[in-house]
Amino acid sequence: MWRRHRHDTTAPRSGESRPLDPPVEGRVVVVTRQGCHLCDEAIELVAQMREDHRDLVPEPTIVDVDTDEDLRSRWGDHVPVTFVDGTLIAYWTLDADTFMSALCDGPTLPAVLP
């Protein structure tokens, strides 16, 4: 079963020279866009995981990419983008295993970055 990891303040395991931190604070941040069906699916998955594992999954911070020019410039159409503890864990699609692994074992960057 999943257990929460201790917060690790070290750099992401796979390394990355470009900063990927979301523009807002939060343990779980999902960058979205209105009218984006993949964004709706990511938000729904996080909500379901929160309902099923309330002790592990914090309330997410949802950020609309179109409310900030820098966000829109950085992420464009690569939404949704999901961060855990400031580390990008998924873009376009988010699955339960990736999300819960990031929360319990610590976040790692995806193999291919946008």
PDB file of N, CA and C in Angstrom:
ATOM      1  N   MET A   1       0.840  -1.185   0.000  1.00  0.00           N
ATOM      2  CA  MET A   1       0.000   0.000   0.000  1.00  0.00           C
ATOM      3  C   MET A   1       0.880   1.242   0.000  1.00  0.00           C
ATOM      4  N   TRP A   2       0.327   2.354  -0.391  1.00  0.00           N
ATOM      5  CA  TRP A   2       1.084   3.592  -0.476  1.00  0.00           C
ATOM      6  C   TRP A   2       1.297   4.205   0.891  1.00  0.00           C
ATOM      7  N   ARG A   3       2.492   4.743   1.086  1.00  0.00           N
ATOM      8  CA  ARG A   3       2.819   5.496   2.295  1.00  0.00           C
ATOM      9  C   ARG A   3       3.480   6.789   1.860  1.00  0.00           C
ATOM     10  N   ARG A   4       3.255   7.837   2.609  1.00  0.00           N
ATOM     11  CA  ARG A   4       3.833   9.133   2.272  1.00  0.00           C
ATOM     12  C   ARG A   4       5.340   9.134   2.539  1.00  0.00           C
ATOM     13  N   HIS A   5       6.101   9.669   1.600  1.00  0.00           N
ATOM     14  CA  HIS A   5       7.542   9.790   1.793  1.00  0.00           C
ATOM     15  C   HIS A   5       7.841  11.025   2.632  1.00  0.00           C
ATOM     16  N   ARG A   6       9.026  11.034   3.193  1.00  0.00           N
ATOM     17  CA  ARG A   6       9.465  12.243   3.891  1.00  0.00           C
ATOM     18  C   ARG A   6       9.824  13.273   2.838  1.00  0.00           C
ATOM     19  N   HIS A   7       9.464  14.529   3.083  1.00  0.00           N
ATOM     20  CA  HIS A   7       9.712  15.586   2.100  1.00  0.00           C
ATOM     21  C   HIS A   7      11.205  15.683   1.823  1.00  0.00           C
ATOM     22  N   ASP A   8      11.577  15.543   0.570  1.00  0.00           N
ATOM     23  CA  ASP A   8      12.969  15.581   0.149  1.00  0.00           C
ATOM     24  C   ASP A   8      13.208  16.908  -0.543  1.00  0.00           C
ATOM     25  N   THR A   9      14.155  17.685  -0.032  1.00  0.00           N
ATOM     26  CA  THR A   9      14.417  19.003  -0.610  1.00  0.00           C
ATOM     27  C   THR A   9      15.569  18.964  -1.603  1.00  0.00           C
ATOM     28  N   THR A  10      16.086  17.783  -1.934  1.00  0.00           N
ATOM     29  CA  THR A  10      17.167  17.686  -2.901  1.00  0.00           C
ATOM     30  C   THR A  10      16.631  17.850  -4.311  1.00  0.00           C
ATOM     31  N   ALA A  11      17.544  17.969  -5.256  1.00  0.00           N
ATOM     32  CA  ALA A  11      17.164  18.122  -6.661  1.00  0.00           C
ATOM     33  C   ALA A  11      16.471  16.862  -7.162  1.00  0.00           C
ATOM     34  N   PRO A  12      15.678  16.973  -8.230  1.00  0.00           N
ATOM     35  CA  PRO A  12      15.043  15.793  -8.809  1.00  0.00           C
ATOM     36  C   PRO A  12      16.084  14.738  -9.168  1.00  0.00           C
ATOM     37  N   ARG A  13      15.726  13.485  -9.022  1.00  0.00           N
ATOM     38  CA  ARG A  13      16.659  12.380  -9.238  1.00  0.00           C
ATOM     39  C   ARG A  13      17.224  12.323 -10.645  1.00  0.00           C
ATOM     40  N   SER A  14      16.418  12.622 -11.643  1.00  0.00           N
ATOM     41  CA  SER A  14      16.915  12.490 -13.008  1.00  0.00           C
ATOM     42  C   SER A  14      17.657  13.734 -13.483  1.00  0.00           C
ATOM     43  N   GLY A  15      17.630  14.805 -12.701  1.00  0.00           N
ATOM     44  CA  GLY A  15      18.364  16.015 -13.023  1.00  0.00           C
ATOM     45  C   GLY A  15      17.721  16.820 -14.132  1.00  0.00           C
ATOM     46  N   GLU A  16      17.867  18.122 -14.059  1.00  0.00           N
ATOM     47  CA  GLU A  16      17.284  18.994 -15.073  1.00  0.00           C
ATOM     48  C   GLU A  16      17.896  20.362 -14.895  1.00  0.00           C
ATOM     49  N   SER A  17      18.417  20.935 -15.976  1.00  0.00           N
ATOM     50  CA  SER A  17      19.051  22.235 -15.881  1.00  0.00           C
ATOM     51  C   SER A  17      18.041  23.373 -15.929  1.00  0.00           C
ATOM     52  N   ARG A  18      16.919  23.172 -16.587  1.00  0.00           N
ATOM     53  CA  ARG A  18      15.898  24.209 -16.697  1.00  0.00           C
ATOM     54  C   ARG A  18      14.972  24.131 -15.488  1.00  0.00           C
ATOM     55  N   PRO A  19      14.757  25.254 -14.770  1.00  0.00           N
ATOM     56  CA  PRO A  19      13.861  25.196 -13.616  1.00  0.00           C
ATOM     57  C   PRO A  19      12.433  24.882 -14.047  1.00  0.00           C
ATOM     58  N   LEU A  20      11.794  23.978 -13.313  1.00  0.00           N
ATOM     59  CA  LEU A  20      10.445  23.560 -13.655  1.00  0.00           C
ATOM     60  C   LEU A  20       9.445  23.906 -12.572  1.00  0.00           C
ATOM     61  N   ASP A  21       9.875  24.639 -11.572  1.00  0.00           N
ATOM     62  CA  ASP A  21       8.989  24.932 -10.454  1.00  0.00           C
ATOM     63  C   ASP A  21       7.737  25.646 -10.925  1.00  0.00           C
ATOM     64  N   PRO A  22       6.606  25.268 -10.381  1.00  0.00           N
ATOM     65  CA  PRO A  22       5.380  25.981 -10.726  1.00  0.00           C
ATOM     66  C   PRO A  22       5.420  27.381 -10.126  1.00  0.00           C
ATOM     67  N   PRO A  23       4.617  28.296 -10.646  1.00  0.00           N
ATOM     68  CA  PRO A  23       4.657  29.678 -10.185  1.00  0.00           C
ATOM     69  C   PRO A  23       3.946  29.899  -8.859  1.00  0.00           C
ATOM     70  N   VAL A  24       3.321  28.873  -8.324  1.00  0.00           N
ATOM     71  CA  VAL A  24       2.596  29.008  -7.061  1.00  0.00           C
ATOM     72  C   VAL A  24       3.046  27.920  -6.111  1.00  0.00           C
ATOM     73  N   GLU A  25       2.838  28.180  -4.830  1.00  0.00           N
ATOM     74  CA  GLU A  25       3.188  27.200  -3.808  1.00  0.00           C
ATOM     75  C   GLU A  25       2.104  26.141  -3.724  1.00  0.00           C
ATOM     76  N   GLY A  26       2.498  24.960  -3.358  1.00  0.00           N
ATOM     77  CA  GLY A  26       1.545  23.885  -3.145  1.00  0.00           C
ATOM     78  C   GLY A  26       2.222  22.546  -3.312  1.00  0.00           C
ATOM     79  N   ARG A  27       1.800  21.592  -2.545  1.00  0.00           N
ATOM     80  CA  ARG A  27       2.389  20.244  -2.633  1.00  0.00           C
ATOM     81  C   ARG A  27       2.000  19.591  -3.947  1.00  0.00           C
ATOM     82  N   VAL A  28       0.751  19.778  -4.378  1.00  0.00           N
ATOM     83  CA  VAL A  28       0.274  19.263  -5.666  1.00  0.00           C
ATOM     84  C   VAL A  28      -0.262  20.452  -6.455  1.00  0.00           C
ATOM     85  N   VAL A  29       0.323  20.694  -7.629  1.00  0.00           N
ATOM     86  CA  VAL A  29      -0.103  21.798  -8.491  1.00  0.00           C
ATOM     87  C   VAL A  29      -0.414  21.221  -9.867  1.00  0.00           C
ATOM     88  N   VAL A  30      -1.589  21.568 -10.394  1.00  0.00           N
ATOM     89  CA  VAL A  30      -1.973  21.150 -11.742  1.00  0.00           C
ATOM     90  C   VAL A  30      -2.211  22.414 -12.566  1.00  0.00           C
ATOM     91  N   VAL A  31      -1.408  22.583 -13.626  1.00  0.00           N
ATOM     92  CA  VAL A  31      -1.564  23.715 -14.538  1.00  0.00           C
ATOM     93  C   VAL A  31      -2.512  23.256 -15.641  1.00  0.00           C
ATOM     94  N   THR A  32      -3.601  24.004 -15.827  1.00  0.00           N
ATOM     95  CA  THR A  32      -4.681  23.586 -16.718  1.00  0.00           C
ATOM     96  C   THR A  32      -5.080  24.703 -17.681  1.00  0.00           C
ATOM     97  N   ARG A  33      -6.113  24.427 -18.443  1.00  0.00           N
ATOM     98  CA  ARG A  33      -6.714  25.419 -19.345  1.00  0.00           C
ATOM     99  C   ARG A  33      -8.200  25.094 -19.453  1.00  0.00           C
ATOM    100  N   GLN A  34      -9.032  26.122 -19.527  1.00  0.00           N
ATOM    101  CA  GLN A  34     -10.464  25.896 -19.709  1.00  0.00           C
ATOM    102  C   GLN A  34     -10.706  25.222 -21.055  1.00  0.00           C
ATOM    103  N   GLY A  35     -11.650  24.284 -21.071  1.00  0.00           N
ATOM    104  CA  GLY A  35     -11.999  23.593 -22.296  1.00  0.00           C
ATOM    105  C   GLY A  35     -11.046  22.473 -22.679  1.00  0.00           C
ATOM    106  N   CYS A  36     -10.130  22.119 -21.799  1.00  0.00           N
ATOM    107  CA  CYS A  36      -9.139  21.068 -22.065  1.00  0.00           C
ATOM    108  C   CYS A  36      -9.615  19.765 -21.434  1.00  0.00           C
ATOM    109  N   HIS A  37      -9.966  18.776 -22.257  1.00  0.00           N
ATOM    110  CA  HIS A  37     -10.491  17.522 -21.705  1.00  0.00           C
ATOM    111  C   HIS A  37      -9.430  16.748 -20.928  1.00  0.00           C
ATOM    112  N   LEU A  38      -8.162  16.813 -21.337  1.00  0.00           N
ATOM    113  CA  LEU A  38      -7.109  16.141 -20.567  1.00  0.00           C
ATOM    114  C   LEU A  38      -6.917  16.808 -19.208  1.00  0.00           C
ATOM    115  N   CYS A  39      -7.097  18.127 -19.168  1.00  0.00           N
ATOM    116  CA  CYS A  39      -7.018  18.853 -17.892  1.00  0.00           C
ATOM    117  C   CYS A  39      -8.130  18.392 -16.960  1.00  0.00           C
ATOM    118  N   ASP A  40      -9.328  18.285 -17.507  1.00  0.00           N
ATOM    119  CA  ASP A  40     -10.459  17.807 -16.705  1.00  0.00           C
ATOM    120  C   ASP A  40     -10.188  16.409 -16.160  1.00  0.00           C
ATOM    121  N   GLU A  41      -9.589  15.544 -16.981  1.00  0.00           N
ATOM    122  CA  GLU A  41      -9.278  14.183 -16.540  1.00  0.00           C
ATOM    123  C   GLU A  41      -8.232  14.180 -15.428  1.00  0.00           C
ATOM    124  N   ALA A  42      -7.205  15.025 -15.550  1.00  0.00           N
ATOM    125  CA  ALA A  42      -6.164  15.095 -14.513  1.00  0.00           C
ATOM    126  C   ALA A  42      -6.749  15.593 -13.197  1.00  0.00           C
ATOM    127  N   ILE A  43      -7.577  16.628 -13.259  1.00  0.00           N
ATOM    128  CA  ILE A  43      -8.204  17.166 -12.048  1.00  0.00           C
ATOM    129  C   ILE A  43      -9.108  16.118 -11.420  1.00  0.00           C
ATOM    130  N   GLU A  44      -9.849  15.394 -12.245  1.00  0.00           N
ATOM    131  CA  GLU A  44     -10.737  14.347 -11.740  1.00  0.00           C
ATOM    132  C   GLU A  44      -9.940  13.219 -11.073  1.00  0.00           C
ATOM    133  N   LEU A  45      -8.814  12.839 -11.689  1.00  0.00           N
ATOM    134  CA  LEU A  45      -7.987  11.788 -11.097  1.00  0.00           C
ATOM    135  C   LEU A  45      -7.452  12.218  -9.735  1.00  0.00           C
ATOM    136  N   VAL A  46      -6.938  13.450  -9.639  1.00  0.00           N
ATOM    137  CA  VAL A  46      -6.424  13.948  -8.360  1.00  0.00           C
ATOM    138  C   VAL A  46      -7.545  13.977  -7.322  1.00  0.00           C
ATOM    139  N   ALA A  47      -8.719  14.424  -7.717  1.00  0.00           N
ATOM    140  CA  ALA A  47      -9.856  14.464  -6.788  1.00  0.00           C
ATOM    141  C   ALA A  47     -10.229  13.062  -6.313  1.00  0.00           C
ATOM    142  N   GLN A  48     -10.226  12.092  -7.224  1.00  0.00           N
ATOM    143  CA  GLN A  48     -10.552  10.713  -6.848  1.00  0.00           C
ATOM    144  C   GLN A  48      -9.493  10.135  -5.911  1.00  0.00           C
ATOM    145  N   MET A  49      -8.220  10.394  -6.207  1.00  0.00           N
ATOM    146  CA  MET A  49      -7.143   9.909  -5.336  1.00  0.00           C
ATOM    147  C   MET A  49      -7.229  10.564  -3.960  1.00  0.00           C
ATOM    148  N   ARG A  50      -7.618  11.843  -3.935  1.00  0.00           N
ATOM    149  CA  ARG A  50      -7.781  12.539  -2.653  1.00  0.00           C
ATOM    150  C   ARG A  50      -8.923  11.914  -1.862  1.00  0.00           C
ATOM    151  N   GLU A  51     -10.010  11.590  -2.537  1.00  0.00           N
ATOM    152  CA  GLU A  51     -11.149  10.968  -1.866  1.00  0.00           C
ATOM    153  C   GLU A  51     -10.775   9.587  -1.323  1.00  0.00           C
ATOM    154  N   ASP A  52     -10.028   8.824  -2.111  1.00  0.00           N
ATOM    155  CA  ASP A  52      -9.649   7.466  -1.719  1.00  0.00           C
ATOM    156  C   ASP A  52      -8.517   7.422  -0.688  1.00  0.00           C
ATOM    157  N   HIS A  53      -7.642   8.441  -0.703  1.00  0.00           N
ATOM    158  CA  HIS A  53      -6.442   8.443   0.147  1.00  0.00           C
ATOM    159  C   HIS A  53      -6.254   9.820   0.785  1.00  0.00           C
ATOM    160  N   ARG A  54      -7.248  10.279   1.501  1.00  0.00           N
ATOM    161  CA  ARG A  54      -7.231  11.628   2.066  1.00  0.00           C
ATOM    162  C   ARG A  54      -6.001  11.890   2.941  1.00  0.00           C
ATOM    163  N   ASP A  55      -5.496  10.851   3.612  1.00  0.00           N
ATOM    164  CA  ASP A  55      -4.331  11.030   4.474  1.00  0.00           C
ATOM    165  C   ASP A  55      -3.039  11.212   3.676  1.00  0.00           C
ATOM    166  N   LEU A  56      -3.030  10.863   2.405  1.00  0.00           N
ATOM    167  CA  LEU A  56      -1.835  10.971   1.570  1.00  0.00           C
ATOM    168  C   LEU A  56      -1.892  12.096   0.546  1.00  0.00           C
ATOM    169  N   VAL A  57      -3.081  12.396   0.063  1.00  0.00           N
ATOM    170  CA  VAL A  57      -3.225  13.333  -1.056  1.00  0.00           C
ATOM    171  C   VAL A  57      -3.743  14.674  -0.547  1.00  0.00           C
ATOM    172  N   PRO A  58      -2.911  15.724  -0.632  1.00  0.00           N
ATOM    173  CA  PRO A  58      -3.356  17.042  -0.183  1.00  0.00           C
ATOM    174  C   PRO A  58      -4.289  17.697  -1.200  1.00  0.00           C
ATOM    175  N   GLU A  59      -4.941  18.739  -0.772  1.00  0.00           N
ATOM    176  CA  GLU A  59      -5.778  19.539  -1.670  1.00  0.00           C
ATOM    177  C   GLU A  59      -4.882  20.113  -2.771  1.00  0.00           C
ATOM    178  N   PRO A  60      -5.234  19.923  -4.041  1.00  0.00           N
ATOM    179  CA  PRO A  60      -4.390  20.448  -5.116  1.00  0.00           C
ATOM    180  C   PRO A  60      -4.606  21.945  -5.327  1.00  0.00           C
ATOM    181  N   THR A  61      -3.591  22.579  -5.883  1.00  0.00           N
ATOM    182  CA  THR A  61      -3.698  23.951  -6.354  1.00  0.00           C
ATOM    183  C   THR A  61      -3.860  23.878  -7.864  1.00  0.00           C
ATOM    184  N   ILE A  62      -4.947  24.439  -8.378  1.00  0.00           N
ATOM    185  CA  ILE A  62      -5.229  24.419  -9.816  1.00  0.00           C
ATOM    186  C   ILE A  62      -4.922  25.811 -10.369  1.00  0.00           C
ATOM    187  N   VAL A  63      -4.101  25.872 -11.418  1.00  0.00           N
ATOM    188  CA  VAL A  63      -3.688  27.143 -12.007  1.00  0.00           C
ATOM    189  C   VAL A  63      -4.045  27.128 -13.488  1.00  0.00           C
ATOM    190  N   ASP A  64      -4.745  28.156 -13.954  1.00  0.00           N
ATOM    191  CA  ASP A  64      -5.099  28.281 -15.371  1.00  0.00           C
ATOM    192  C   ASP A  64      -3.916  28.890 -16.120  1.00  0.00           C
ATOM    193  N   VAL A  65      -3.374  28.170 -17.093  1.00  0.00           N
ATOM    194  CA  VAL A  65      -2.205  28.598 -17.851  1.00  0.00           C
ATOM    195  C   VAL A  65      -2.449  29.924 -18.564  1.00  0.00           C
ATOM    196  N   ASP A  66      -3.692  30.213 -18.908  1.00  0.00           N
ATOM    197  CA  ASP A  66      -4.003  31.422 -19.663  1.00  0.00           C
ATOM    198  C   ASP A  66      -4.138  32.672 -18.805  1.00  0.00           C
ATOM    199  N   THR A  67      -3.978  32.550 -17.491  1.00  0.00           N
ATOM    200  CA  THR A  67      -4.070  33.719 -16.614  1.00  0.00           C
ATOM    201  C   THR A  67      -2.732  34.424 -16.450  1.00  0.00           C
ATOM    202  N   ASP A  68      -1.666  33.850 -16.992  1.00  0.00           N
ATOM    203  CA  ASP A  68      -0.334  34.414 -16.807  1.00  0.00           C
ATOM    204  C   ASP A  68       0.460  34.253 -18.104  1.00  0.00           C
ATOM    205  N   GLU A  69       1.000  35.356 -18.610  1.00  0.00           N
ATOM    206  CA  GLU A  69       1.733  35.323 -19.876  1.00  0.00           C
ATOM    207  C   GLU A  69       2.957  34.410 -19.806  1.00  0.00           C
ATOM    208  N   ASP A  70       3.678  34.420 -18.679  1.00  0.00           N
ATOM    209  CA  ASP A  70       4.851  33.559 -18.536  1.00  0.00           C
ATOM    210  C   ASP A  70       4.461  32.080 -18.558  1.00  0.00           C
ATOM    211  N   LEU A  71       3.378  31.756 -17.871  1.00  0.00           N
ATOM    212  CA  LEU A  71       2.895  30.369 -17.885  1.00  0.00           C
ATOM    213  C   LEU A  71       2.512  29.945 -19.293  1.00  0.00           C
ATOM    214  N   ARG A  72       1.765  30.803 -19.962  1.00  0.00           N
ATOM    215  CA  ARG A  72       1.309  30.491 -21.319  1.00  0.00           C
ATOM    216  C   ARG A  72       2.511  30.331 -22.252  1.00  0.00           C
ATOM    217  N   SER A  73       3.514  31.190 -22.088  1.00  0.00           N
ATOM    218  CA  SER A  73       4.715  31.108 -22.906  1.00  0.00           C
ATOM    219  C   SER A  73       5.492  29.820 -22.631  1.00  0.00           C
ATOM    220  N   ARG A  74       5.588  29.436 -21.375  1.00  0.00           N
ATOM    221  CA  ARG A  74       6.358  28.242 -21.000  1.00  0.00           C
ATOM    222  C   ARG A  74       5.653  26.940 -21.379  1.00  0.00           C
ATOM    223  N   TRP A  75       4.360  26.847 -21.074  1.00  0.00           N
ATOM    224  CA  TRP A  75       3.671  25.562 -21.217  1.00  0.00           C
ATOM    225  C   TRP A  75       2.820  25.448 -22.470  1.00  0.00           C
ATOM    226  N   GLY A  76       2.385  26.570 -23.041  1.00  0.00           N
ATOM    227  CA  GLY A  76       1.611  26.526 -24.277  1.00  0.00           C
ATOM    228  C   GLY A  76       0.502  25.499 -24.239  1.00  0.00           C
ATOM    229  N   ASP A  77       0.561  24.534 -25.159  1.00  0.00           N
ATOM    230  CA  ASP A  77      -0.456  23.485 -25.250  1.00  0.00           C
ATOM    231  C   ASP A  77      -0.048  22.195 -24.545  1.00  0.00           C
ATOM    232  N   HIS A  78       0.979  22.241 -23.714  1.00  0.00           N
ATOM    233  CA  HIS A  78       1.436  21.036 -23.006  1.00  0.00           C
ATOM    234  C   HIS A  78       0.643  20.769 -21.734  1.00  0.00           C
ATOM    235  N   VAL A  79      -0.514  21.378 -21.582  1.00  0.00           N
ATOM    236  CA  VAL A  79      -1.331  21.177 -20.386  1.00  0.00           C
ATOM    237  C   VAL A  79      -2.188  19.929 -20.522  1.00  0.00           C
ATOM    238  N   PRO A  80      -2.562  19.315 -19.429  1.00  0.00           N
ATOM    239  CA  PRO A  80      -2.238  19.690 -18.062  1.00  0.00           C
ATOM    240  C   PRO A  80      -0.793  19.333 -17.717  1.00  0.00           C
ATOM    241  N   VAL A  81      -0.235  20.098 -16.791  1.00  0.00           N
ATOM    242  CA  VAL A  81       1.090  19.838 -16.256  1.00  0.00           C
ATOM    243  C   VAL A  81       0.904  19.636 -14.762  1.00  0.00           C
ATOM    244  N   THR A  82       1.405  18.526 -14.240  1.00  0.00           N
ATOM    245  CA  THR A  82       1.219  18.202 -12.829  1.00  0.00           C
ATOM    246  C   THR A  82       2.560  18.217 -12.117  1.00  0.00           C
ATOM    247  N   PHE A  83       2.603  18.934 -10.994  1.00  0.00           N
ATOM    248  CA  PHE A  83       3.791  19.022 -10.153  1.00  0.00           C
ATOM    249  C   PHE A  83       3.485  18.417  -8.792  1.00  0.00           C
ATOM    250  N   VAL A  84       4.458  17.732  -8.217  1.00  0.00           N
ATOM    251  CA  VAL A  84       4.403  17.296  -6.822  1.00  0.00           C
ATOM    252  C   VAL A  84       5.677  17.799  -6.162  1.00  0.00           C
ATOM    253  N   ASP A  85       5.529  18.516  -5.074  1.00  0.00           N
ATOM    254  CA  ASP A  85       6.662  19.093  -4.347  1.00  0.00           C
ATOM    255  C   ASP A  85       7.574  19.905  -5.261  1.00  0.00           C
ATOM    256  N   GLY A  86       6.981  20.630  -6.231  1.00  0.00           N
ATOM    257  CA  GLY A  86       7.742  21.497  -7.113  1.00  0.00           C
ATOM    258  C   GLY A  86       8.407  20.804  -8.283  1.00  0.00           C
ATOM    259  N   THR A  87       8.229  19.496  -8.418  1.00  0.00           N
ATOM    260  CA  THR A  87       8.834  18.735  -9.513  1.00  0.00           C
ATOM    261  C   THR A  87       7.756  18.304 -10.497  1.00  0.00           C
ATOM    262  N   LEU A  88       7.999  18.578 -11.772  1.00  0.00           N
ATOM    263  CA  LEU A  88       7.089  18.137 -12.823  1.00  0.00           C
ATOM    264  C   LEU A  88       7.064  16.614 -12.833  1.00  0.00           C
ATOM    265  N   ILE A  89       5.874  16.023 -12.731  1.00  0.00           N
ATOM    266  CA  ILE A  89       5.772  14.559 -12.785  1.00  0.00           C
ATOM    267  C   ILE A  89       5.038  14.075 -14.027  1.00  0.00           C
ATOM    268  N   ALA A  90       4.223  14.942 -14.645  1.00  0.00           N
ATOM    269  CA  ALA A  90       3.464  14.512 -15.821  1.00  0.00           C
ATOM    270  C   ALA A  90       2.959  15.719 -16.597  1.00  0.00           C
ATOM    271  N   TYR A  91       2.856  15.547 -17.908  1.00  0.00           N
ATOM    272  CA  TYR A  91       2.163  16.528 -18.742  1.00  0.00           C
ATOM    273  C   TYR A  91       1.315  15.765 -19.743  1.00  0.00           C
ATOM    274  N   TRP A  92       0.260  16.375 -20.173  1.00  0.00           N
ATOM    275  CA  TRP A  92      -0.784  15.814 -21.038  1.00  0.00           C
ATOM    276  C   TRP A  92      -1.597  14.751 -20.325  1.00  0.00           C
ATOM    277  N   THR A  93      -0.982  13.677 -19.876  1.00  0.00           N
ATOM    278  CA  THR A  93      -1.755  12.639 -19.189  1.00  0.00           C
ATOM    279  C   THR A  93      -1.148  12.351 -17.824  1.00  0.00           C
ATOM    280  N   LEU A  94      -2.009  12.075 -16.863  1.00  0.00           N
ATOM    281  CA  LEU A  94      -1.594  11.718 -15.507  1.00  0.00           C
ATOM    282  C   LEU A  94      -2.279  10.412 -15.154  1.00  0.00           C
ATOM    283  N   ASP A  95      -1.502   9.460 -14.648  1.00  0.00           N
ATOM    284  CA  ASP A  95      -2.107   8.200 -14.214  1.00  0.00           C
ATOM    285  C   ASP A  95      -1.931   8.049 -12.705  1.00  0.00           C
ATOM    286  N   ALA A  96      -2.779   7.232 -12.112  1.00  0.00           N
ATOM    287  CA  ALA A  96      -2.811   7.070 -10.655  1.00  0.00           C
ATOM    288  C   ALA A  96      -1.488   6.562 -10.108  1.00  0.00           C
ATOM    289  N   ASP A  97      -0.851   5.616 -10.788  1.00  0.00           N
ATOM    290  CA  ASP A  97       0.412   5.065 -10.286  1.00  0.00           C
ATOM    291  C   ASP A  97       1.513   6.120 -10.241  1.00  0.00           C
ATOM    292  N   THR A  98       1.636   6.910 -11.299  1.00  0.00           N
ATOM    293  CA  THR A  98       2.642   7.972 -11.327  1.00  0.00           C
ATOM    294  C   THR A  98       2.385   8.978 -10.214  1.00  0.00           C
ATOM    295  N   PHE A  99       1.135   9.380 -10.065  1.00  0.00           N
ATOM    296  CA  PHE A  99       0.766  10.375  -9.062  1.00  0.00           C
ATOM    297  C   PHE A  99       1.042   9.870  -7.647  1.00  0.00           C
ATOM    298  N   MET A 100       0.569   8.676  -7.332  1.00  0.00           N
ATOM    299  CA  MET A 100       0.749   8.147  -5.980  1.00  0.00           C
ATOM    300  C   MET A 100       2.210   7.815  -5.699  1.00  0.00           C
ATOM    301  N   SER A 101       2.937   7.363  -6.688  1.00  0.00           N
ATOM    302  CA  SER A 101       4.364   7.104  -6.511  1.00  0.00           C
ATOM    303  C   SER A 101       5.104   8.397  -6.186  1.00  0.00           C
ATOM    304  N   ALA A 102       4.748   9.484  -6.860  1.00  0.00           N
ATOM    305  CA  ALA A 102       5.377  10.776  -6.583  1.00  0.00           C
ATOM    306  C   ALA A 102       5.100  11.226  -5.154  1.00  0.00           C
ATOM    307  N   LEU A 103       3.888  11.017  -4.683  1.00  0.00           N
ATOM    308  CA  LEU A 103       3.540  11.412  -3.320  1.00  0.00           C
ATOM    309  C   LEU A 103       4.212  10.523  -2.275  1.00  0.00           C
ATOM    310  N   CYS A 104       4.317   9.243  -2.557  1.00  0.00           N
ATOM    311  CA  CYS A 104       4.801   8.283  -1.556  1.00  0.00           C
ATOM    312  C   CYS A 104       6.305   8.045  -1.611  1.00  0.00           C
ATOM    313  N   ASP A 105       6.864   8.016  -2.818  1.00  0.00           N
ATOM    314  CA  ASP A 105       8.276   7.682  -2.978  1.00  0.00           C
ATOM    315  C   ASP A 105       9.130   8.890  -3.330  1.00  0.00           C
ATOM    316  N   GLY A 106       8.499  10.003  -3.616  1.00  0.00           N
ATOM    317  CA  GLY A 106       9.209  11.199  -4.040  1.00  0.00           C
ATOM    318  C   GLY A 106       9.061  11.379  -5.538  1.00  0.00           C
ATOM    319  N   PRO A 107       8.926  12.621  -5.981  1.00  0.00           N
ATOM    320  CA  PRO A 107       8.692  12.884  -7.402  1.00  0.00           C
ATOM    321  C   PRO A 107       9.943  12.674  -8.242  1.00  0.00           C
ATOM    322  N   THR A 108       9.742  12.220  -9.467  1.00  0.00           N
ATOM    323  CA  THR A 108      10.805  12.137 -10.469  1.00  0.00           C
ATOM    324  C   THR A 108      10.273  12.736 -11.763  1.00  0.00           C
ATOM    325  N   LEU A 109      11.186  13.292 -12.537  1.00  0.00           N
ATOM    326  CA  LEU A 109      10.799  13.902 -13.807  1.00  0.00           C
ATOM    327  C   LEU A 109      10.434  12.832 -14.824  1.00  0.00           C
ATOM    328  N   PRO A 110       9.515  13.149 -15.743  1.00  0.00           N
ATOM    329  CA  PRO A 110       9.216  12.203 -16.819  1.00  0.00           C
ATOM    330  C   PRO A 110      10.441  12.039 -17.722  1.00  0.00           C
ATOM    331  N   ALA A 111      10.478  10.949 -18.470  1.00  0.00           N
ATOM    332  CA  ALA A 111      11.618  10.666 -19.346  1.00  0.00           C
ATOM    333  C   ALA A 111      11.781  11.726 -20.435  1.00  0.00           C
ATOM    334  N   VAL A 112      10.679  12.256 -20.944  1.00  0.00           N
ATOM    335  CA  VAL A 112      10.711  13.275 -21.990  1.00  0.00           C
ATOM    336  C   VAL A 112      10.026  14.515 -21.455  1.00  0.00           C
ATOM    337  N   LEU A 113      10.716  15.650 -21.559  1.00  0.00           N
ATOM    338  CA  LEU A 113      10.159  16.911 -21.067  1.00  0.00           C
ATOM    339  C   LEU A 113       9.625  17.745 -22.218  1.00  0.00           C
ATOM    340  N   PRO A 114       8.559  18.498 -21.963  1.00  0.00           N
ATOM    341  CA  PRO A 114       8.022  19.366 -23.019  1.00  0.00           C
ATOM    342  C   PRO A 114       8.947  20.538 -23.283  1.00  0.00           C
TER     343      PRO A 114
END
